[in-house]
Amino acid sequence: MILLPITLTTAGATALIAFWLALRTGNVRRAAKVSIGDGGDSALICRMRAQANFVEYAPFVVILIALIEFSSGTSIWLWVASVAFLVARILHPLGMDGMRYGRTIGTAVTFLLLVGLGLYAISLPLIAKHESKPTVIETVPVAG
């Protein structure tokens, strides 16, 4: 049994996107012959900002997905949110490179998910049914 499958999938895909963004930035950095900073190169600035933007938002969304999945369980809407986030985070840097509407769609979807997941996470403890007895959390030993 895999616990938190949405979180595991999202975190793994997020790591791969981070690697892809680092490679893209490194390629432009080498072509521009700039080892530190941006050297005033506009292509390098765009790649660096796309990478930094990813790092600014990805942790929050992955943490929210993890906590929501842990609190509420796996659901189709959380899978949809995860996939939408991953697609948005691929569209954003492509848009920074000139893909029409990529940056706009990537930013809008990321912001909608950040706010939506954040509000949902805040609402969970407020709408949870309070039980008179404590909740028991079952642990599953890892096979090995």
C-alpha atoms as a PDB file:
ATOM      1  CA  MET A   1       0.000   0.000   0.000  1.00  0.00           C
ATOM      2  CA  ILE A   2       1.410   3.382  -0.993  1.00  0.00           C
ATOM      3  CA  LEU A   3       0.558   6.229   1.319  1.00  0.00           C
ATOM      4  CA  LEU A   4      -0.044   9.657  -0.236  1.00  0.00           C
ATOM      5  CA  PRO A   5       0.210   8.617  -3.903  1.00  0.00           C
ATOM      6  CA  ILE A   6      -0.757  12.072  -5.193  1.00  0.00           C
ATOM      7  CA  THR A   7       1.914  13.709  -3.069  1.00  0.00           C
ATOM      8  CA  LEU A   8       4.567  11.208  -4.133  1.00  0.00           C
ATOM      9  CA  THR A   9       3.711  11.647  -7.806  1.00  0.00           C
ATOM     10  CA  THR A  10       3.576  15.442  -7.547  1.00  0.00           C
ATOM     11  CA  ALA A  11       6.823  15.686  -5.587  1.00  0.00           C
ATOM     12  CA  GLY A  12       8.625  13.373  -8.009  1.00  0.00           C
ATOM     13  CA  ALA A  13       7.372  15.259 -11.061  1.00  0.00           C
ATOM     14  CA  THR A  14       8.237  18.546  -9.380  1.00  0.00           C
ATOM     15  CA  ALA A  15      11.801  17.351  -8.838  1.00  0.00           C
ATOM     16  CA  LEU A  16      12.060  16.447 -12.528  1.00  0.00           C
ATOM     17  CA  ILE A  17      10.717  19.849 -13.577  1.00  0.00           C
ATOM     18  CA  ALA A  18      13.236  21.540 -11.259  1.00  0.00           C
ATOM     19  CA  PHE A  19      16.014  19.534 -12.914  1.00  0.00           C
ATOM     20  CA  TRP A  20      14.718  20.445 -16.387  1.00  0.00           C
ATOM     21  CA  LEU A  21      14.649  24.138 -15.454  1.00  0.00           C
ATOM     22  CA  ALA A  22      18.205  23.937 -14.096  1.00  0.00           C
ATOM     23  CA  LEU A  23      19.420  22.346 -17.340  1.00  0.00           C
ATOM     24  CA  ARG A  24      17.673  25.037 -19.414  1.00  0.00           C
ATOM     25  CA  THR A  25      19.240  27.785 -17.317  1.00  0.00           C
ATOM     26  CA  GLY A  26      22.662  26.131 -17.469  1.00  0.00           C
ATOM     27  CA  ASN A  27      22.499  25.825 -21.264  1.00  0.00           C
ATOM     28  CA  VAL A  28      21.816  29.537 -21.706  1.00  0.00           C
ATOM     29  CA  ARG A  29      24.410  30.394 -19.050  1.00  0.00           C
ATOM     30  CA  ARG A  30      27.087  28.426 -20.953  1.00  0.00           C
ATOM     31  CA  ALA A  31      26.067  29.952 -24.299  1.00  0.00           C
ATOM     32  CA  ALA A  32      26.242  33.449 -22.803  1.00  0.00           C
ATOM     33  CA  LYS A  33      29.545  32.616 -21.051  1.00  0.00           C
ATOM     34  CA  VAL A  34      28.198  33.907 -17.726  1.00  0.00           C
ATOM     35  CA  SER A  35      29.156  31.854 -14.681  1.00  0.00           C
ATOM     36  CA  ILE A  36      27.730  34.112 -11.947  1.00  0.00           C
ATOM     37  CA  GLY A  37      24.785  36.473 -12.154  1.00  0.00           C
ATOM     38  CA  ASP A  38      22.977  37.198 -15.394  1.00  0.00           C
ATOM     39  CA  GLY A  39      25.599  39.248 -17.266  1.00  0.00           C
ATOM     40  CA  GLY A  40      22.773  41.422 -18.591  1.00  0.00           C
ATOM     41  CA  ASP A  41      21.781  38.634 -20.986  1.00  0.00           C
ATOM     42  CA  SER A  42      18.009  38.820 -21.456  1.00  0.00           C
ATOM     43  CA  ALA A  43      17.597  35.133 -22.321  1.00  0.00           C
ATOM     44  CA  LEU A  44      19.522  34.167 -19.191  1.00  0.00           C
ATOM     45  CA  ILE A  45      17.454  36.558 -17.084  1.00  0.00           C
ATOM     46  CA  CYS A  46      14.245  34.919 -18.367  1.00  0.00           C
ATOM     47  CA  ARG A  47      15.531  31.423 -17.671  1.00  0.00           C
ATOM     48  CA  MET A  48      16.755  32.384 -14.207  1.00  0.00           C
ATOM     49  CA  ARG A  49      13.423  34.026 -13.362  1.00  0.00           C
ATOM     50  CA  ALA A  50      11.456  31.013 -14.622  1.00  0.00           C
ATOM     51  CA  GLN A  51      13.559  28.750 -12.416  1.00  0.00           C
ATOM     52  CA  ALA A  52      13.277  31.073  -9.412  1.00  0.00           C
ATOM     53  CA  ASN A  53       9.532  31.458  -9.926  1.00  0.00           C
ATOM     54  CA  PHE A  54       9.156  27.682  -9.833  1.00  0.00           C
ATOM     55  CA  VAL A  55      11.116  27.471  -6.592  1.00  0.00           C
ATOM     56  CA  GLU A  56       8.984  30.255  -5.098  1.00  0.00           C
ATOM     57  CA  TYR A  57       5.650  28.456  -5.624  1.00  0.00           C
ATOM     58  CA  ALA A  58       6.231  24.697  -5.970  1.00  0.00           C
ATOM     59  CA  PRO A  59       6.988  24.009  -2.287  1.00  0.00           C
ATOM     60  CA  PHE A  60       3.766  25.631  -1.108  1.00  0.00           C
ATOM     61  CA  VAL A  61       1.589  23.707  -3.547  1.00  0.00           C
ATOM     62  CA  VAL A  62       3.296  20.365  -2.872  1.00  0.00           C
ATOM     63  CA  ILE A  63       3.003  20.886   0.896  1.00  0.00           C
ATOM     64  CA  LEU A  64      -0.671  21.818   0.567  1.00  0.00           C
ATOM     65  CA  ILE A  65      -1.363  18.757  -1.587  1.00  0.00           C
ATOM     66  CA  ALA A  66       0.429  16.563   0.966  1.00  0.00           C
ATOM     67  CA  LEU A  67      -1.434  17.933   3.954  1.00  0.00           C
ATOM     68  CA  ILE A  68      -4.801  17.819   2.227  1.00  0.00           C
ATOM     69  CA  GLU A  69      -4.195  14.255   1.036  1.00  0.00           C
ATOM     70  CA  PHE A  70      -3.049  13.226   4.512  1.00  0.00           C
ATOM     71  CA  SER A  71      -6.074  14.879   6.127  1.00  0.00           C
ATOM     72  CA  SER A  72      -8.778  13.967   3.608  1.00  0.00           C
ATOM     73  CA  GLY A  73      -7.394  11.061   1.627  1.00  0.00           C
ATOM     74  CA  THR A  74      -6.755  10.576  -2.057  1.00  0.00           C
ATOM     75  CA  SER A  75      -9.384  12.064  -4.367  1.00  0.00           C
ATOM     76  CA  ILE A  76      -9.891  12.658  -8.060  1.00  0.00           C
ATOM     77  CA  TRP A  77     -10.078  16.436  -7.613  1.00  0.00           C
ATOM     78  CA  LEU A  78      -6.694  16.433  -5.863  1.00  0.00           C
ATOM     79  CA  TRP A  79      -5.229  14.416  -8.767  1.00  0.00           C
ATOM     80  CA  VAL A  80      -6.679  17.020 -11.153  1.00  0.00           C
ATOM     81  CA  ALA A  81      -5.174  19.848  -9.081  1.00  0.00           C
ATOM     82  CA  SER A  82      -1.795  18.116  -9.123  1.00  0.00           C
ATOM     83  CA  VAL A  83      -1.790  17.555 -12.883  1.00  0.00           C
ATOM     84  CA  ALA A  84      -2.991  21.129 -13.503  1.00  0.00           C
ATOM     85  CA  PHE A  85      -0.154  22.428 -11.327  1.00  0.00           C
ATOM     86  CA  LEU A  86       2.480  20.362 -13.132  1.00  0.00           C
ATOM     87  CA  VAL A  87       1.218  21.431 -16.563  1.00  0.00           C
ATOM     88  CA  ALA A  88       1.119  25.067 -15.427  1.00  0.00           C
ATOM     89  CA  ARG A  89       4.687  24.861 -14.179  1.00  0.00           C
ATOM     90  CA  ILE A  90       5.821  23.561 -17.575  1.00  0.00           C
ATOM     91  CA  LEU A  91       3.829  26.189 -19.501  1.00  0.00           C
ATOM     92  CA  HIS A  92       5.219  29.089 -17.455  1.00  0.00           C
ATOM     93  CA  PRO A  93       8.902  28.763 -18.492  1.00  0.00           C
ATOM     94  CA  LEU A  94       7.930  27.957 -22.068  1.00  0.00           C
ATOM     95  CA  GLY A  95       5.930  31.179 -22.018  1.00  0.00           C
ATOM     96  CA  MET A  96       8.969  33.025 -20.682  1.00  0.00           C
ATOM     97  CA  ASP A  97      10.748  31.790 -23.824  1.00  0.00           C
ATOM     98  CA  GLY A  98       8.003  33.144 -26.072  1.00  0.00           C
ATOM     99  CA  MET A  99       5.275  30.472 -26.194  1.00  0.00           C
ATOM    100  CA  ARG A 100       2.066  32.432 -26.651  1.00  0.00           C
ATOM    101  CA  TYR A 101      -0.033  32.519 -23.451  1.00  0.00           C
ATOM    102  CA  GLY A 102       2.214  29.958 -21.727  1.00  0.00           C
ATOM    103  CA  ARG A 103       3.391  32.324 -19.023  1.00  0.00           C
ATOM    104  CA  THR A 104      -0.083  33.792 -18.499  1.00  0.00           C
ATOM    105  CA  ILE A 105      -1.805  30.414 -18.245  1.00  0.00           C
ATOM    106  CA  GLY A 106       0.971  28.978 -16.074  1.00  0.00           C
ATOM    107  CA  THR A 107       0.816  31.909 -13.682  1.00  0.00           C
ATOM    108  CA  ALA A 108      -2.986  32.028 -13.520  1.00  0.00           C
ATOM    109  CA  VAL A 109      -3.350  28.284 -12.867  1.00  0.00           C
ATOM    110  CA  THR A 110      -0.601  28.359 -10.238  1.00  0.00           C
ATOM    111  CA  PHE A 111      -2.231  31.301  -8.433  1.00  0.00           C
ATOM    112  CA  LEU A 112      -5.697  29.725  -8.586  1.00  0.00           C
ATOM    113  CA  LEU A 113      -4.363  26.489  -7.147  1.00  0.00           C
ATOM    114  CA  LEU A 114      -2.324  28.247  -4.487  1.00  0.00           C
ATOM    115  CA  VAL A 115      -5.358  30.204  -3.287  1.00  0.00           C
ATOM    116  CA  GLY A 116      -7.842  27.339  -3.739  1.00  0.00           C
ATOM    117  CA  LEU A 117      -5.713  24.739  -1.980  1.00  0.00           C
ATOM    118  CA  GLY A 118      -4.818  27.240   0.730  1.00  0.00           C
ATOM    119  CA  LEU A 119      -8.448  28.110   1.421  1.00  0.00           C
ATOM    120  CA  TYR A 120      -9.432  24.438   1.382  1.00  0.00           C
ATOM    121  CA  ALA A 121      -6.631  23.582   3.815  1.00  0.00           C
ATOM    122  CA  ILE A 122      -7.775  26.365   6.151  1.00  0.00           C
ATOM    123  CA  SER A 123     -11.367  25.142   5.951  1.00  0.00           C
ATOM    124  CA  LEU A 124     -10.599  21.491   6.762  1.00  0.00           C
ATOM    125  CA  PRO A 125     -10.161  21.920  10.522  1.00  0.00           C
ATOM    126  CA  LEU A 126     -13.110  24.298  10.635  1.00  0.00           C
ATOM    127  CA  ILE A 127     -15.537  21.892   8.948  1.00  0.00           C
ATOM    128  CA  ALA A 128     -14.201  18.674  10.472  1.00  0.00           C
ATOM    129  CA  LYS A 129     -16.583  16.783  12.686  1.00  0.00           C
ATOM    130  CA  HIS A 130     -15.351  16.796  16.248  1.00  0.00           C
ATOM    131  CA  GLU A 131     -15.462  13.328  17.695  1.00  0.00           C
ATOM    132  CA  SER A 132     -15.724  12.610  21.393  1.00  0.00           C
ATOM    133  CA  LYS A 133     -13.024   9.961  21.186  1.00  0.00           C
ATOM    134  CA  PRO A 134      -9.519  10.429  19.755  1.00  0.00           C
ATOM    135  CA  THR A 135      -8.764   9.385  16.198  1.00  0.00           C
ATOM    136  CA  VAL A 136      -6.505   6.377  15.862  1.00  0.00           C
ATOM    137  CA  ILE A 137      -3.924   6.552  13.097  1.00  0.00           C
ATOM    138  CA  GLU A 138      -2.916   3.125  11.844  1.00  0.00           C
ATOM    139  CA  THR A 139       0.690   2.695  10.821  1.00  0.00           C
ATOM    140  CA  VAL A 140       1.656   0.248   8.140  1.00  0.00           C
ATOM    141  CA  PRO A 141       5.100  -1.336   8.404  1.00  0.00           C
ATOM    142  CA  VAL A 142       7.289  -1.033   5.346  1.00  0.00           C
ATOM    143  CA  ALA A 143       7.998  -4.360   3.731  1.00  0.00           C
ATOM    144  CA  GLY A 144      11.623  -4.978   3.274  1.00  0.00           C
END
